[in-house]
Amino acid sequence: MKVVFAATAAEAFGELPKPVQERAAVSFGLLESHPKMYPVRRRGIMRGYRYFVAGAYLFYYSLSSSEIRITAIIPGVMRHS
């Protein structure tokens, strides 16, 4: 499987700090081999999408038979204490 970006996600990715881009790139590599390794969002606006964290950003993606589509990159990960 290959990783592709929705247009708005590609633009957002280009504006991220380099360390976040590098962390995300590691996750992209893992996704190519293990596309279902990250959890599915169970509620909220992105319900049904899988996601992973890189730095302080959530990366949401969907799967098809041939690709992994990065759909949204949202800043401001909430931490539970």
Protein backbone atom coordinates (compact mmCIF):
# COMPACT_ATOMS: atom_id res chain seq x y z
CA MET A 1 0.00 0.00 0.00
CA LYS A 2 1.14 3.51 -0.57
CA VAL A 3 0.49 6.64 1.47
CA VAL A 4 -1.23 9.56 -0.28
CA PHE A 5 -2.40 12.93 1.04
CA ALA A 6 -5.68 14.75 0.62
CA ALA A 7 -4.89 18.23 -0.77
CA THR A 8 -5.49 20.09 2.49
CA ALA A 9 -3.50 17.54 4.50
CA ALA A 10 -0.55 17.85 2.10
CA GLU A 11 -0.56 21.61 2.55
CA ALA A 12 -0.77 21.29 6.34
CA PHE A 13 2.07 18.74 6.37
CA GLY A 14 4.34 21.13 4.50
CA GLU A 15 3.83 23.75 7.22
CA LEU A 16 4.66 21.45 10.16
CA PRO A 17 7.94 21.74 12.05
CA LYS A 18 10.65 19.42 10.66
CA PRO A 19 10.77 17.19 13.79
CA VAL A 20 7.02 16.54 13.46
CA GLN A 21 7.40 15.76 9.75
CA GLU A 22 10.20 13.31 10.56
CA ARG A 23 8.16 11.56 13.27
CA ALA A 24 5.18 11.32 10.95
CA ALA A 25 7.40 9.92 8.18
CA VAL A 26 8.36 7.02 10.48
CA SER A 27 4.67 6.30 11.05
CA PHE A 28 3.98 6.49 7.31
CA GLY A 29 6.62 3.81 6.75
CA LEU A 30 5.02 1.58 9.37
CA LEU A 31 1.58 2.13 7.85
CA GLU A 32 2.71 0.83 4.48
CA SER A 33 3.34 -2.57 6.08
CA HIS A 34 0.75 -2.48 8.88
CA PRO A 35 -2.10 -0.17 7.83
CA LYS A 36 -4.44 -1.19 10.66
CA MET A 37 -1.92 -0.77 13.48
CA TYR A 38 -3.38 2.48 14.81
CA PRO A 39 -6.74 2.85 16.58
CA VAL A 40 -10.04 3.95 15.07
CA ARG A 41 -11.62 7.16 16.42
CA ARG A 42 -14.85 6.08 18.12
CA ARG A 43 -16.55 9.46 18.50
CA GLY A 44 -16.41 13.05 17.37
CA ILE A 45 -16.12 14.61 13.96
CA MET A 46 -13.41 12.20 12.76
CA ARG A 47 -15.27 9.09 13.95
CA GLY A 48 -14.39 6.02 11.90
CA TYR A 49 -10.95 7.28 10.85
CA ARG A 50 -7.74 5.74 12.12
CA TYR A 51 -5.21 8.11 13.67
CA PHE A 52 -1.75 8.45 15.14
CA VAL A 53 0.09 11.14 17.05
CA ALA A 54 3.27 12.88 15.90
CA GLY A 55 4.46 15.65 18.19
CA ALA A 56 1.43 17.71 19.15
CA TYR A 57 -0.57 16.75 16.05
CA LEU A 58 -3.14 14.10 15.25
CA PHE A 59 -2.89 12.53 11.80
CA TYR A 60 -6.16 10.99 10.58
CA TYR A 61 -6.22 8.48 7.75
CA SER A 62 -8.51 6.11 5.90
CA LEU A 63 -7.83 2.85 4.09
CA SER A 64 -8.84 1.52 0.72
CA SER A 65 -7.70 -1.64 -1.02
CA SER A 66 -4.75 0.14 -2.62
CA GLU A 67 -3.88 3.19 -0.55
CA ILE A 68 -3.65 4.89 2.82
CA ARG A 69 -5.08 8.40 2.54
CA ILE A 70 -3.94 11.00 5.06
CA THR A 71 -7.16 12.96 5.40
CA ALA A 72 -6.52 15.52 8.12
CA ILE A 73 -3.77 16.83 10.36
CA ILE A 74 -5.12 18.53 13.46
CA PRO A 75 -2.96 20.45 15.98
CA GLY A 76 -3.42 20.42 19.71
CA VAL A 77 -3.39 16.86 20.99
CA MET A 78 -5.29 16.69 24.26
CA ARG A 79 -3.41 14.92 27.04
CA HIS A 80 -5.25 13.09 29.79
CA SER A 81 -3.79 13.45 33.27
